[in-house]
Amino acid sequence: MSEMQLCRLTDVPDGGARVIDVSPGDAPIVVVRRGAQVWAYANRCPHFSVPLDFEPGEISCYRAQVLMCAHHSALFRFEDGHCIEGPCAGASLDAMKVDVDANAWIVLIQ
C-alpha cells in the first residue's frame, strides 16, 4: 500500500468539507471532517454521477453530520457516505480510504 498526502487536517474545516484534485482524469476527492475524524469520497453523486459541488470546491455541510449534493439536495452521512434523503436515498458515495498521519496530514491510502 502507498500513501498520498492530500492536505493538512486543519485545511478541512471542522464540521465541513474540502474538495481536493488528486490527478488529472480522476474524480476529485471530498474530504469531510468532524474533530480529529476524517472520511473521504469521490466527488460524484450516485444519482446522476455529477459532482457534489455546484461551484467548484464549495460543498454544503449541515451540523457536522451530512454533506449535500448541490444539484439534487441529496444528503449523505459523513461517517459512511450513505444517502439518507433525496433522489438517491439508500445509495452511497464511493468511499476512499484515508487516515491522519503523525504530522497531521490527511493521507489517501492506495
PDB file of N, CA and C in Angstrom:
ATOM      1  N   MET A   1       0.840  -1.186   0.000  1.00  0.00           N
ATOM      2  CA  MET A   1       0.000   0.000   0.000  1.00  0.00           C
ATOM      3  C   MET A   1       0.882   1.245   0.000  1.00  0.00           C
ATOM      4  N   SER A   2       0.416   2.240  -0.710  1.00  0.00           N
ATOM      5  CA  SER A   2       1.132   3.508  -0.702  1.00  0.00           C
ATOM      6  C   SER A   2       0.200   4.600  -0.184  1.00  0.00           C
ATOM      7  N   GLU A   3       0.811   5.700   0.231  1.00  0.00           N
ATOM      8  CA  GLU A   3       0.046   6.822   0.759  1.00  0.00           C
ATOM      9  C   GLU A   3       0.352   8.070  -0.052  1.00  0.00           C
ATOM     10  N   MET A   4      -0.665   8.914  -0.216  1.00  0.00           N
ATOM     11  CA  MET A   4      -0.507  10.200  -0.889  1.00  0.00           C
ATOM     12  C   MET A   4      -1.038  11.276   0.033  1.00  0.00           C
ATOM     13  N   GLN A   5      -0.229  12.284   0.312  1.00  0.00           N
ATOM     14  CA  GLN A   5      -0.687  13.384   1.148  1.00  0.00           C
ATOM     15  C   GLN A   5      -1.728  14.195   0.378  1.00  0.00           C
ATOM     16  N   LEU A   6      -2.865  14.457   1.040  1.00  0.00           N
ATOM     17  CA  LEU A   6      -3.926  15.246   0.423  1.00  0.00           C
ATOM     18  C   LEU A   6      -3.893  16.690   0.912  1.00  0.00           C
ATOM     19  N   CYS A   7      -3.899  16.880   2.223  1.00  0.00           N
ATOM     20  CA  CYS A   7      -3.870  18.210   2.822  1.00  0.00           C
ATOM     21  C   CYS A   7      -3.653  18.051   4.313  1.00  0.00           C
ATOM     22  N   ARG A   8      -3.445  19.161   4.992  1.00  0.00           N
ATOM     23  CA  ARG A   8      -3.319  19.143   6.443  1.00  0.00           C
ATOM     24  C   ARG A   8      -4.715  18.996   7.055  1.00  0.00           C
ATOM     25  N   LEU A   9      -4.789  18.393   8.224  1.00  0.00           N
ATOM     26  CA  LEU A   9      -6.067  18.239   8.925  1.00  0.00           C
ATOM     27  C   LEU A   9      -6.741  19.599   9.095  1.00  0.00           C
ATOM     28  N   THR A  10      -5.959  20.613   9.436  1.00  0.00           N
ATOM     29  CA  THR A  10      -6.525  21.953   9.670  1.00  0.00           C
ATOM     30  C   THR A  10      -6.983  22.652   8.390  1.00  0.00           C
ATOM     31  N   ASP A  11      -6.647  22.090   7.219  1.00  0.00           N
ATOM     32  CA  ASP A  11      -7.116  22.655   5.946  1.00  0.00           C
ATOM     33  C   ASP A  11      -8.580  22.312   5.675  1.00  0.00           C
ATOM     34  N   VAL A  12      -9.110  21.349   6.413  1.00  0.00           N
ATOM     35  CA  VAL A  12     -10.522  20.958   6.269  1.00  0.00           C
ATOM     36  C   VAL A  12     -11.254  21.535   7.469  1.00  0.00           C
ATOM     37  N   PRO A  13     -12.268  22.370   7.240  1.00  0.00           N
ATOM     38  CA  PRO A  13     -12.973  22.957   8.381  1.00  0.00           C
ATOM     39  C   PRO A  13     -13.630  21.887   9.251  1.00  0.00           C
ATOM     40  N   ASP A  14     -13.539  22.049  10.553  1.00  0.00           N
ATOM     41  CA  ASP A  14     -14.185  21.117  11.473  1.00  0.00           C
ATOM     42  C   ASP A  14     -15.692  21.186  11.235  1.00  0.00           C
ATOM     43  N   GLY A  15     -16.299  20.060  10.915  1.00  0.00           N
ATOM     44  CA  GLY A  15     -17.725  20.021  10.591  1.00  0.00           C
ATOM     45  C   GLY A  15     -18.010  20.365   9.142  1.00  0.00           C
ATOM     46  N   GLY A  16     -16.963  20.405   8.333  1.00  0.00           N
ATOM     47  CA  GLY A  16     -17.118  20.784   6.935  1.00  0.00           C
ATOM     48  C   GLY A  16     -16.362  19.864   5.999  1.00  0.00           C
ATOM     49  N   ALA A  17     -16.158  20.359   4.777  1.00  0.00           N
ATOM     50  CA  ALA A  17     -15.544  19.546   3.738  1.00  0.00           C
ATOM     51  C   ALA A  17     -14.604  20.383   2.890  1.00  0.00           C
ATOM     52  N   ARG A  18     -13.733  19.680   2.195  1.00  0.00           N
ATOM     53  CA  ARG A  18     -12.832  20.310   1.231  1.00  0.00           C
ATOM     54  C   ARG A  18     -12.717  19.393   0.030  1.00  0.00           C
ATOM     55  N   VAL A  19     -12.710  19.982  -1.161  1.00  0.00           N
ATOM     56  CA  VAL A  19     -12.533  19.227  -2.398  1.00  0.00           C
ATOM     57  C   VAL A  19     -11.062  19.280  -2.787  1.00  0.00           C
ATOM     58  N   ILE A  20     -10.501  18.126  -3.116  1.00  0.00           N
ATOM     59  CA  ILE A  20      -9.087  18.043  -3.472  1.00  0.00           C
ATOM     60  C   ILE A  20      -8.957  17.318  -4.810  1.00  0.00           C
ATOM     61  N   ASP A  21      -8.278  17.969  -5.755  1.00  0.00           N
ATOM     62  CA  ASP A  21      -7.956  17.329  -7.038  1.00  0.00           C
ATOM     63  C   ASP A  21      -6.695  16.513  -6.835  1.00  0.00           C
ATOM     64  N   VAL A  22      -6.760  15.229  -7.154  1.00  0.00           N
ATOM     65  CA  VAL A  22      -5.598  14.382  -6.926  1.00  0.00           C
ATOM     66  C   VAL A  22      -4.781  14.169  -8.188  1.00  0.00           C
ATOM     67  N   SER A  23      -5.428  13.903  -9.298  1.00  0.00           N
ATOM     68  CA  SER A  23      -4.704  13.720 -10.552  1.00  0.00           C
ATOM     69  C   SER A  23      -5.650  13.943 -11.720  1.00  0.00           C
ATOM     70  N   PRO A  24      -5.122  14.459 -12.824  1.00  0.00           N
ATOM     71  CA  PRO A  24      -5.967  14.702 -13.999  1.00  0.00           C
ATOM     72  C   PRO A  24      -6.659  13.416 -14.456  1.00  0.00           C
ATOM     73  N   GLY A  25      -7.905  13.533 -14.793  1.00  0.00           N
ATOM     74  CA  GLY A  25      -8.665  12.372 -15.261  1.00  0.00           C
ATOM     75  C   GLY A  25      -9.408  11.627 -14.168  1.00  0.00           C
ATOM     76  N   ASP A  26      -8.998  11.808 -12.915  1.00  0.00           N
ATOM     77  CA  ASP A  26      -9.676  11.162 -11.793  1.00  0.00           C
ATOM     78  C   ASP A  26     -10.650  12.143 -11.165  1.00  0.00           C
ATOM     79  N   ALA A  27     -11.735  11.620 -10.603  1.00  0.00           N
ATOM     80  CA  ALA A  27     -12.683  12.484  -9.896  1.00  0.00           C
ATOM     81  C   ALA A  27     -11.981  13.090  -8.693  1.00  0.00           C
ATOM     82  N   PRO A  28     -12.225  14.376  -8.420  1.00  0.00           N
ATOM     83  CA  PRO A  28     -11.683  14.962  -7.196  1.00  0.00           C
ATOM     84  C   PRO A  28     -12.217  14.205  -5.979  1.00  0.00           C
ATOM     85  N   ILE A  29     -11.556  14.407  -4.855  1.00  0.00           N
ATOM     86  CA  ILE A  29     -11.932  13.760  -3.604  1.00  0.00           C
ATOM     87  C   ILE A  29     -12.543  14.803  -2.682  1.00  0.00           C
ATOM     88  N   VAL A  30     -13.638  14.430  -2.014  1.00  0.00           N
ATOM     89  CA  VAL A  30     -14.225  15.278  -0.983  1.00  0.00           C
ATOM     90  C   VAL A  30     -13.789  14.711   0.360  1.00  0.00           C
ATOM     91  N   VAL A  31     -13.078  15.522   1.138  1.00  0.00           N
ATOM     92  CA  VAL A  31     -12.657  15.127   2.475  1.00  0.00           C
ATOM     93  C   VAL A  31     -13.561  15.843   3.460  1.00  0.00           C
ATOM     94  N   VAL A  32     -14.176  15.095   4.366  1.00  0.00           N
ATOM     95  CA  VAL A  32     -15.035  15.678   5.398  1.00  0.00           C
ATOM     96  C   VAL A  32     -14.396  15.421   6.756  1.00  0.00           C
ATOM     97  N   ARG A  33     -14.658  16.331   7.684  1.00  0.00           N
ATOM     98  CA  ARG A  33     -14.003  16.246   8.993  1.00  0.00           C
ATOM     99  C   ARG A  33     -14.969  16.580  10.111  1.00  0.00           C
ATOM    100  N   ARG A  34     -14.855  15.820  11.178  1.00  0.00           N
ATOM    101  CA  ARG A  34     -15.536  16.112  12.442  1.00  0.00           C
ATOM    102  C   ARG A  34     -14.499  15.887  13.533  1.00  0.00           C
ATOM    103  N   GLY A  35     -13.965  16.991  14.083  1.00  0.00           N
ATOM    104  CA  GLY A  35     -12.903  16.880  15.078  1.00  0.00           C
ATOM    105  C   GLY A  35     -11.668  16.268  14.454  1.00  0.00           C
ATOM    106  N   ALA A  36     -11.186  15.178  15.043  1.00  0.00           N
ATOM    107  CA  ALA A  36      -9.995  14.503  14.523  1.00  0.00           C
ATOM    108  C   ALA A  36     -10.351  13.393  13.534  1.00  0.00           C
ATOM    109  N   GLN A  37     -11.643  13.146  13.315  1.00  0.00           N
ATOM    110  CA  GLN A  37     -12.074  12.102  12.389  1.00  0.00           C
ATOM    111  C   GLN A  37     -12.209  12.665  10.982  1.00  0.00           C
ATOM    112  N   VAL A  38     -11.763  11.898  10.000  1.00  0.00           N
ATOM    113  CA  VAL A  38     -11.892  12.299   8.603  1.00  0.00           C
ATOM    114  C   VAL A  38     -12.391  11.122   7.772  1.00  0.00           C
ATOM    115  N   TRP A  39     -13.123  11.464   6.739  1.00  0.00           N
ATOM    116  CA  TRP A  39     -13.603  10.495   5.762  1.00  0.00           C
ATOM    117  C   TRP A  39     -13.415  11.122   4.394  1.00  0.00           C
ATOM    118  N   ALA A  40     -13.346  10.294   3.358  1.00  0.00           N
ATOM    119  CA  ALA A  40     -13.178  10.833   2.015  1.00  0.00           C
ATOM    120  C   ALA A  40     -14.009  10.029   1.020  1.00  0.00           C
ATOM    121  N   TYR A  41     -14.497  10.739   0.025  1.00  0.00           N
ATOM    122  CA  TYR A  41     -15.356  10.144  -1.000  1.00  0.00           C
ATOM    123  C   TYR A  41     -15.025  10.747  -2.355  1.00  0.00           C
ATOM    124  N   ALA A  42     -15.260   9.973  -3.408  1.00  0.00           N
ATOM    125  CA  ALA A  42     -15.147  10.537  -4.756  1.00  0.00           C
ATOM    126  C   ALA A  42     -16.202  11.634  -4.875  1.00  0.00           C
ATOM    127  N   ASN A  43     -15.850  12.736  -5.503  1.00  0.00           N
ATOM    128  CA  ASN A  43     -16.770  13.866  -5.664  1.00  0.00           C
ATOM    129  C   ASN A  43     -17.741  13.566  -6.805  1.00  0.00           C
ATOM    130  N   ARG A  44     -18.639  12.609  -6.530  1.00  0.00           N
ATOM    131  CA  ARG A  44     -19.576  12.155  -7.555  1.00  0.00           C
ATOM    132  C   ARG A  44     -20.842  11.654  -6.880  1.00  0.00           C
ATOM    133  N   CYS A  45     -21.959  12.320  -7.147  1.00  0.00           N
ATOM    134  CA  CYS A  45     -23.252  11.910  -6.604  1.00  0.00           C
ATOM    135  C   CYS A  45     -23.712  10.633  -7.305  1.00  0.00           C
ATOM    136  N   PRO A  46     -24.195   9.639  -6.562  1.00  0.00           N
ATOM    137  CA  PRO A  46     -24.652   8.405  -7.199  1.00  0.00           C
ATOM    138  C   PRO A  46     -25.936   8.576  -8.014  1.00  0.00           C
ATOM    139  N   HIS A  47     -26.611   9.706  -7.891  1.00  0.00           N
ATOM    140  CA  HIS A  47     -27.856   9.923  -8.612  1.00  0.00           C
ATOM    141  C   HIS A  47     -27.621  10.052 -10.110  1.00  0.00           C
ATOM    142  N   PHE A  48     -26.807  11.025 -10.524  1.00  0.00           N
ATOM    143  CA  PHE A  48     -26.506  11.211 -11.945  1.00  0.00           C
ATOM    144  C   PHE A  48     -25.023  11.307 -12.239  1.00  0.00           C
ATOM    145  N   SER A  49     -24.177  10.876 -11.311  1.00  0.00           N
ATOM    146  CA  SER A  49     -22.722  10.937 -11.462  1.00  0.00           C
ATOM    147  C   SER A  49     -22.217  12.353 -11.737  1.00  0.00           C
ATOM    148  N   VAL A  50     -22.829  13.338 -11.081  1.00  0.00           N
ATOM    149  CA  VAL A  50     -22.368  14.723 -11.187  1.00  0.00           C
ATOM    150  C   VAL A  50     -21.608  15.073  -9.916  1.00  0.00           C
ATOM    151  N   PRO A  51     -20.740  16.092  -9.959  1.00  0.00           N
ATOM    152  CA  PRO A  51     -20.028  16.495  -8.741  1.00  0.00           C
ATOM    153  C   PRO A  51     -21.003  16.961  -7.668  1.00  0.00           C
ATOM    154  N   LEU A  52     -20.605  16.802  -6.408  1.00  0.00           N
ATOM    155  CA  LEU A  52     -21.437  17.245  -5.293  1.00  0.00           C
ATOM    156  C   LEU A  52     -21.460  18.763  -5.173  1.00  0.00           C
ATOM    157  N   ASP A  53     -20.424  19.421  -5.676  1.00  0.00           N
ATOM    158  CA  ASP A  53     -20.340  20.882  -5.603  1.00  0.00           C
ATOM    159  C   ASP A  53     -20.856  21.512  -6.897  1.00  0.00           C
ATOM    160  N   PHE A  54     -21.627  22.590  -6.767  1.00  0.00           N
ATOM    161  CA  PHE A  54     -22.094  23.337  -7.931  1.00  0.00           C
ATOM    162  C   PHE A  54     -21.022  24.344  -8.324  1.00  0.00           C
ATOM    163  N   GLU A  55     -20.581  25.132  -7.351  1.00  0.00           N
ATOM    164  CA  GLU A  55     -19.420  26.000  -7.533  1.00  0.00           C
ATOM    165  C   GLU A  55     -18.215  25.152  -7.150  1.00  0.00           C
ATOM    166  N   PRO A  56     -17.220  25.049  -8.020  1.00  0.00           N
ATOM    167  CA  PRO A  56     -16.081  24.181  -7.716  1.00  0.00           C
ATOM    168  C   PRO A  56     -15.490  24.447  -6.329  1.00  0.00           C
ATOM    169  N   GLY A  57     -15.383  23.353  -5.549  1.00  0.00           N
ATOM    170  CA  GLY A  57     -14.783  23.432  -4.224  1.00  0.00           C
ATOM    171  C   GLY A  57     -15.718  23.828  -3.102  1.00  0.00           C
ATOM    172  N   GLU A  58     -16.970  24.160  -3.404  1.00  0.00           N
ATOM    173  CA  GLU A  58     -17.909  24.599  -2.369  1.00  0.00           C
ATOM    174  C   GLU A  58     -18.907  23.484  -2.064  1.00  0.00           C
ATOM    175  N   ILE A  59     -18.686  22.799  -0.951  1.00  0.00           N
ATOM    176  CA  ILE A  59     -19.538  21.692  -0.520  1.00  0.00           C
ATOM    177  C   ILE A  59     -20.376  22.155   0.664  1.00  0.00           C
ATOM    178  N   SER A  60     -21.665  21.919   0.597  1.00  0.00           N
ATOM    179  CA  SER A  60     -22.552  22.281   1.702  1.00  0.00           C
ATOM    180  C   SER A  60     -22.586  21.152   2.726  1.00  0.00           C
ATOM    181  N   CYS A  61     -22.380  21.521   3.993  1.00  0.00           N
ATOM    182  CA  CYS A  61     -22.437  20.561   5.094  1.00  0.00           C
ATOM    183  C   CYS A  61     -23.360  21.125   6.165  1.00  0.00           C
ATOM    184  N   TYR A  62     -24.081  20.238   6.842  1.00  0.00           N
ATOM    185  CA  TYR A  62     -25.015  20.651   7.877  1.00  0.00           C
ATOM    186  C   TYR A  62     -24.726  19.946   9.191  1.00  0.00           C
ATOM    187  N   ARG A  63     -24.616  20.754  10.255  1.00  0.00           N
ATOM    188  CA  ARG A  63     -24.471  20.270  11.627  1.00  0.00           C
ATOM    189  C   ARG A  63     -23.355  19.242  11.807  1.00  0.00           C
ATOM    190  N   ALA A  64     -22.311  19.350  10.987  1.00  0.00           N
ATOM    191  CA  ALA A  64     -21.174  18.425  11.060  1.00  0.00           C
ATOM    192  C   ALA A  64     -21.623  16.966  10.965  1.00  0.00           C
ATOM    193  N   GLN A  65     -22.744  16.742  10.293  1.00  0.00           N
ATOM    194  CA  GLN A  65     -23.314  15.397  10.192  1.00  0.00           C
ATOM    195  C   GLN A  65     -23.467  14.909   8.754  1.00  0.00           C
ATOM    196  N   VAL A  66     -23.877  15.807   7.846  1.00  0.00           N
ATOM    197  CA  VAL A  66     -24.167  15.398   6.474  1.00  0.00           C
ATOM    198  C   VAL A  66     -23.607  16.409   5.472  1.00  0.00           C
ATOM    199  N   LEU A  67     -23.306  15.903   4.279  1.00  0.00           N
ATOM    200  CA  LEU A  67     -22.985  16.795   3.182  1.00  0.00           C
ATOM    201  C   LEU A  67     -24.087  16.681   2.155  1.00  0.00           C
ATOM    202  N   MET A  68     -24.272  17.744   1.380  1.00  0.00           N
ATOM    203  CA  MET A  68     -25.407  17.813   0.475  1.00  0.00           C
ATOM    204  C   MET A  68     -24.939  17.982  -0.965  1.00  0.00           C
ATOM    205  N   CYS A  69     -25.549  17.235  -1.855  1.00  0.00           N
ATOM    206  CA  CYS A  69     -25.315  17.405  -3.283  1.00  0.00           C
ATOM    207  C   CYS A  69     -25.972  18.715  -3.709  1.00  0.00           C
ATOM    208  N   ALA A  70     -25.201  19.602  -4.312  1.00  0.00           N
ATOM    209  CA  ALA A  70     -25.714  20.907  -4.735  1.00  0.00           C
ATOM    210  C   ALA A  70     -26.702  20.796  -5.885  1.00  0.00           C
ATOM    211  N   HIS A  71     -26.713  19.686  -6.584  1.00  0.00           N
ATOM    212  CA  HIS A  71     -27.587  19.530  -7.749  1.00  0.00           C
ATOM    213  C   HIS A  71     -28.956  18.958  -7.404  1.00  0.00           C
ATOM    214  N   HIS A  72     -29.008  18.041  -6.439  1.00  0.00           N
ATOM    215  CA  HIS A  72     -30.268  17.345  -6.140  1.00  0.00           C
ATOM    216  C   HIS A  72     -30.697  17.462  -4.683  1.00  0.00           C
ATOM    217  N   SER A  73     -29.885  18.089  -3.849  1.00  0.00           N
ATOM    218  CA  SER A  73     -30.137  18.220  -2.404  1.00  0.00           C
ATOM    219  C   SER A  73     -30.141  16.877  -1.674  1.00  0.00           C
ATOM    220  N   ALA A  74     -29.515  15.875  -2.251  1.00  0.00           N
ATOM    221  CA  ALA A  74     -29.372  14.593  -1.557  1.00  0.00           C
ATOM    222  C   ALA A  74     -28.434  14.797  -0.367  1.00  0.00           C
ATOM    223  N   LEU A  75     -28.739  14.141   0.763  1.00  0.00           N
ATOM    224  CA  LEU A  75     -27.951  14.272   1.983  1.00  0.00           C
ATOM    225  C   LEU A  75     -27.197  12.976   2.270  1.00  0.00           C
ATOM    226  N   PHE A  76     -25.882  13.105   2.517  1.00  0.00           N
ATOM    227  CA  PHE A  76     -25.011  11.955   2.742  1.00  0.00           C
ATOM    228  C   PHE A  76     -24.338  12.070   4.109  1.00  0.00           C
ATOM    229  N   ARG A  77     -24.395  10.981   4.900  1.00  0.00           N
ATOM    230  CA  ARG A  77     -23.748  10.976   6.214  1.00  0.00           C
ATOM    231  C   ARG A  77     -22.233  11.063   6.060  1.00  0.00           C
ATOM    232  N   PHE A  78     -21.613  11.838   6.946  1.00  0.00           N
ATOM    233  CA  PHE A  78     -20.153  11.955   6.951  1.00  0.00           C
ATOM    234  C   PHE A  78     -19.497  10.591   7.096  1.00  0.00           C
ATOM    235  N   GLU A  79     -19.955   9.806   8.093  1.00  0.00           N
ATOM    236  CA  GLU A  79     -19.215   8.616   8.509  1.00  0.00           C
ATOM    237  C   GLU A  79     -19.243   7.444   7.536  1.00  0.00           C
ATOM    238  N   ASP A  80     -20.213   7.381   6.630  1.00  0.00           N
ATOM    239  CA  ASP A  80     -20.232   6.254   5.688  1.00  0.00           C
ATOM    240  C   ASP A  80     -20.673   6.630   4.276  1.00  0.00           C
ATOM    241  N   GLY A  81     -20.982   7.893   4.025  1.00  0.00           N
ATOM    242  CA  GLY A  81     -21.379   8.331   2.687  1.00  0.00           C
ATOM    243  C   GLY A  81     -22.743   7.848   2.257  1.00  0.00           C
ATOM    244  N   HIS A  82     -23.507   7.288   3.177  1.00  0.00           N
ATOM    245  CA  HIS A  82     -24.829   6.744   2.863  1.00  0.00           C
ATOM    246  C   HIS A  82     -25.835   7.884   2.670  1.00  0.00           C
ATOM    247  N   CYS A  83     -26.619   7.822   1.596  1.00  0.00           N
ATOM    248  CA  CYS A  83     -27.628   8.841   1.320  1.00  0.00           C
ATOM    249  C   CYS A  83     -28.856   8.574   2.182  1.00  0.00           C
ATOM    250  N   ILE A  84     -29.180   9.550   3.030  1.00  0.00           N
ATOM    251  CA  ILE A  84     -30.307   9.385   3.951  1.00  0.00           C
ATOM    252  C   ILE A  84     -31.558  10.118   3.489  1.00  0.00           C
ATOM    253  N   GLU A  85     -31.413  10.989   2.478  1.00  0.00           N
ATOM    254  CA  GLU A  85     -32.568  11.725   1.976  1.00  0.00           C
ATOM    255  C   GLU A  85     -32.257  12.251   0.589  1.00  0.00           C
ATOM    256  N   GLY A  86     -33.260  12.204  -0.284  1.00  0.00           N
ATOM    257  CA  GLY A  86     -33.080  12.732  -1.625  1.00  0.00           C
ATOM    258  C   GLY A  86     -33.361  11.679  -2.678  1.00  0.00           C
ATOM    259  N   PRO A  87     -33.111  12.023  -3.946  1.00  0.00           N
ATOM    260  CA  PRO A  87     -33.481  11.129  -5.045  1.00  0.00           C
ATOM    261  C   PRO A  87     -32.668   9.840  -5.111  1.00  0.00           C
ATOM    262  N   CYS A  88     -31.552   9.782  -4.408  1.00  0.00           N
ATOM    263  CA  CYS A  88     -30.758   8.545  -4.416  1.00  0.00           C
ATOM    264  C   CYS A  88     -30.703   7.916  -3.026  1.00  0.00           C
ATOM    265  N   ALA A  89     -31.753   8.123  -2.222  1.00  0.00           N
ATOM    266  CA  ALA A  89     -31.808   7.571  -0.861  1.00  0.00           C
ATOM    267  C   ALA A  89     -31.499   6.077  -0.892  1.00  0.00           C
ATOM    268  N   GLY A  90     -30.620   5.660   0.008  1.00  0.00           N
ATOM    269  CA  GLY A  90     -30.225   4.255   0.083  1.00  0.00           C
ATOM    270  C   GLY A  90     -28.923   3.978  -0.648  1.00  0.00           C
ATOM    271  N   ALA A  91     -28.528   4.835  -1.590  1.00  0.00           N
ATOM    272  CA  ALA A  91     -27.256   4.680  -2.301  1.00  0.00           C
ATOM    273  C   ALA A  91     -26.147   5.267  -1.435  1.00  0.00           C
ATOM    274  N   SER A  92     -24.916   5.111  -1.860  1.00  0.00           N
ATOM    275  CA  SER A  92     -23.777   5.644  -1.103  1.00  0.00           C
ATOM    276  C   SER A  92     -22.751   6.265  -2.029  1.00  0.00           C
ATOM    277  N   LEU A  93     -22.005   7.196  -1.484  1.00  0.00           N
ATOM    278  CA  LEU A  93     -20.871   7.764  -2.195  1.00  0.00           C
ATOM    279  C   LEU A  93     -19.768   6.718  -2.249  1.00  0.00           C
ATOM    280  N   ASP A  94     -18.853   6.847  -3.221  1.00  0.00           N
ATOM    281  CA  ASP A  94     -17.711   5.934  -3.325  1.00  0.00           C
ATOM    282  C   ASP A  94     -16.650   6.348  -2.315  1.00  0.00           C
ATOM    283  N   ALA A  95     -16.446   5.511  -1.309  1.00  0.00           N
ATOM    284  CA  ALA A  95     -15.507   5.815  -0.226  1.00  0.00           C
ATOM    285  C   ALA A  95     -14.066   5.642  -0.680  1.00  0.00           C
ATOM    286  N   MET A  96     -13.208   6.498  -0.144  1.00  0.00           N
ATOM    287  CA  MET A  96     -11.770   6.426  -0.348  1.00  0.00           C
ATOM    288  C   MET A  96     -11.157   6.222   1.037  1.00  0.00           C
ATOM    289  N   LYS A  97     -10.127   5.395   1.139  1.00  0.00           N
ATOM    290  CA  LYS A  97      -9.508   5.135   2.449  1.00  0.00           C
ATOM    291  C   LYS A  97      -8.503   6.242   2.756  1.00  0.00           C
ATOM    292  N   VAL A  98      -8.735   6.917   3.891  1.00  0.00           N
ATOM    293  CA  VAL A  98      -7.828   7.973   4.338  1.00  0.00           C
ATOM    294  C   VAL A  98      -7.509   7.791   5.816  1.00  0.00           C
ATOM    295  N   ASP A  99      -6.440   8.452   6.224  1.00  0.00           N
ATOM    296  CA  ASP A  99      -6.032   8.449   7.625  1.00  0.00           C
ATOM    297  C   ASP A  99      -5.330   9.767   7.895  1.00  0.00           C
ATOM    298  N   VAL A 100      -5.100  10.052   9.163  1.00  0.00           N
ATOM    299  CA  VAL A 100      -4.323  11.223   9.553  1.00  0.00           C
ATOM    300  C   VAL A 100      -2.995  10.704  10.095  1.00  0.00           C
ATOM    301  N   ASP A 101      -1.890  11.171   9.493  1.00  0.00           N
ATOM    302  CA  ASP A 101      -0.589  10.669   9.931  1.00  0.00           C
ATOM    303  C   ASP A 101      -0.084  11.424  11.164  1.00  0.00           C
ATOM    304  N   ALA A 102       1.083  11.054  11.642  1.00  0.00           N
ATOM    305  CA  ALA A 102       1.646  11.624  12.873  1.00  0.00           C
ATOM    306  C   ALA A 102       1.935  13.121  12.756  1.00  0.00           C
ATOM    307  N   ASN A 103       2.037  13.624  11.527  1.00  0.00           N
ATOM    308  CA  ASN A 103       2.308  15.048  11.295  1.00  0.00           C
ATOM    309  C   ASN A 103       1.048  15.834  10.949  1.00  0.00           C
ATOM    310  N   ALA A 104      -0.119  15.254  11.215  1.00  0.00           N
ATOM    311  CA  ALA A 104      -1.424  15.870  10.964  1.00  0.00           C
ATOM    312  C   ALA A 104      -1.720  16.121   9.494  1.00  0.00           C
ATOM    313  N   TRP A 105      -1.175  15.261   8.623  1.00  0.00           N
ATOM    314  CA  TRP A 105      -1.533  15.281   7.214  1.00  0.00           C
ATOM    315  C   TRP A 105      -2.624  14.231   6.988  1.00  0.00           C
ATOM    316  N   ILE A 106      -3.609  14.581   6.181  1.00  0.00           N
ATOM    317  CA  ILE A 106      -4.596  13.594   5.751  1.00  0.00           C
ATOM    318  C   ILE A 106      -3.983  12.889   4.553  1.00  0.00           C
ATOM    319  N   VAL A 107      -3.899  11.574   4.644  1.00  0.00           N
ATOM    320  CA  VAL A 107      -3.266  10.801   3.575  1.00  0.00           C
ATOM    321  C   VAL A 107      -4.279   9.840   2.966  1.00  0.00           C
ATOM    322  N   LEU A 108      -4.206   9.723   1.645  1.00  0.00           N
ATOM    323  CA  LEU A 108      -5.006   8.762   0.896  1.00  0.00           C
ATOM    324  C   LEU A 108      -4.219   7.474   0.856  1.00  0.00           C
ATOM    325  N   ILE A 109      -4.853   6.382   1.262  1.00  0.00           N
ATOM    326  CA  ILE A 109      -4.193   5.070   1.263  1.00  0.00           C
ATOM    327  C   ILE A 109      -4.647   4.323   0.029  1.00  0.00           C
ATOM    328  N   GLN A 110      -3.677   3.972  -0.812  1.00  0.00           N
ATOM    329  CA  GLN A 110      -3.994   3.322  -2.080  1.00  0.00           C
ATOM    330  C   GLN A 110      -3.517   1.894  -2.091  1.00  0.00           C
TER     331      GLN A 110
END
